[in-house]
Protein backbone atom coordinates (compact mmCIF):
# COMPACT_ATOMS: atom_id res chain seq x y z
CA MET A 1 -22.14 29.50 14.34
CA GLU A 2 -18.15 29.27 13.72
CA LYS A 3 -16.99 26.62 10.82
CA PHE A 4 -15.36 23.71 11.28
CA SER A 5 -14.12 20.60 9.42
CA LEU A 6 -14.69 16.44 10.03
CA ASN A 7 -12.00 13.75 8.96
CA CYS A 8 -13.43 10.02 8.32
CA VAL A 9 -13.54 9.03 12.06
CA GLU A 10 -15.34 12.32 13.24
CA LEU A 11 -17.93 12.29 10.01
CA GLN A 12 -18.79 9.20 11.00
CA GLU A 13 -20.35 10.49 14.20
CA TYR A 14 -22.83 12.69 11.99
CA GLN A 15 -23.39 10.13 8.73
CA PRO A 16 -24.79 6.64 9.15
CA ASN A 17 -23.72 5.41 5.71
CA ARG A 18 -20.47 2.99 6.05
CA TYR A 19 -18.15 1.40 3.15
CA PRO A 20 -19.38 0.83 0.67
CA PHE A 21 -22.03 3.23 0.40
CA LEU A 22 -20.26 6.15 2.50
CA MET A 23 -19.96 8.52 -0.31
CA ILE A 24 -17.72 11.27 1.59
CA ASP A 25 -13.96 11.14 2.68
CA HIS A 26 -13.79 14.04 4.52
CA VAL A 27 -15.43 17.19 5.03
CA GLU A 28 -13.51 20.55 4.77
CA GLU A 29 -15.87 22.90 6.00
CA VAL A 30 -19.42 22.70 7.37
CA ILE A 31 -21.16 25.86 9.08
CA PRO A 32 -23.91 23.64 10.64
CA GLY A 33 -27.67 24.48 8.91
CA LYS A 34 -26.15 26.49 6.24
CA TYR A 35 -23.92 24.29 4.13
CA ALA A 36 -21.21 21.80 3.93
CA LYS A 37 -18.32 21.43 1.67
CA GLY A 38 -16.55 18.09 1.03
CA TYR A 39 -14.84 15.19 -1.20
CA LYS A 40 -14.40 11.57 -2.21
CA ASN A 41 -11.16 10.37 -3.11
CA LEU A 42 -12.11 8.41 -5.91
CA THR A 43 -9.24 5.54 -7.09
CA MET A 44 -9.77 3.13 -9.89
CA ASN A 45 -10.87 0.45 -7.15
CA GLU A 46 -13.67 1.58 -6.70
CA TRP A 47 -16.70 -1.21 -7.12
CA TYR A 48 -18.55 0.66 -9.59
CA PHE A 49 -15.95 1.36 -12.04
CA PRO A 50 -15.31 -1.89 -13.66
CA VAL A 51 -19.11 -2.15 -14.93
CA HIS A 52 -19.40 1.84 -15.20
CA PHE A 53 -17.85 2.16 -18.58
CA PRO A 54 -14.81 -0.16 -18.23
CA ASP A 55 -12.95 2.09 -20.85
CA GLY A 56 -14.02 5.38 -19.49
CA PRO A 57 -15.25 4.74 -16.02
CA ASN A 58 -17.04 7.69 -14.22
CA MET A 59 -18.29 7.63 -11.21
CA PRO A 60 -22.53 6.94 -11.82
CA GLY A 61 -25.10 10.20 -11.43
CA ALA A 62 -27.19 8.26 -9.12
CA LEU A 63 -23.90 8.11 -6.67
CA GLN A 64 -23.10 11.59 -7.54
CA LEU A 65 -26.65 12.30 -5.72
CA GLU A 66 -26.25 10.75 -3.44
CA ALA A 67 -22.77 12.22 -2.21
CA LEU A 68 -24.85 15.15 -2.10
CA ALA A 69 -27.72 13.94 -0.46
CA GLN A 70 -24.99 12.88 2.21
CA MET A 71 -23.27 16.19 2.20
CA LEU A 72 -26.71 17.94 3.25
CA THR A 73 -27.40 15.37 6.32
CA VAL A 74 -23.89 16.76 7.63
CA ALA A 75 -25.24 20.32 7.61
CA ILE A 76 -28.38 19.26 9.33
CA THR A 77 -27.09 16.42 12.09
CA THR A 78 -24.33 18.59 12.71
CA LEU A 79 -26.51 21.25 14.11
CA PRO A 80 -26.83 21.77 18.30
CA THR A 81 -29.86 20.44 19.73
């Protein structure tokens, strides 16, 4: 199968989560059933930064794992039916 990318609008066809729980902004490359590679663009305005270490904000580990799971969902849901 050939690889392709998904912008933020196309991504929503394959990923049921929406703001604030969508942890992916762009899928750079996906080969259905094999792998998916994407990004979450973080800014200081993210809802979890003020409480997850105010002096040194970082993305909580549980949300990082959620982002990985969402990328897995993209890799699987893009398979042809």
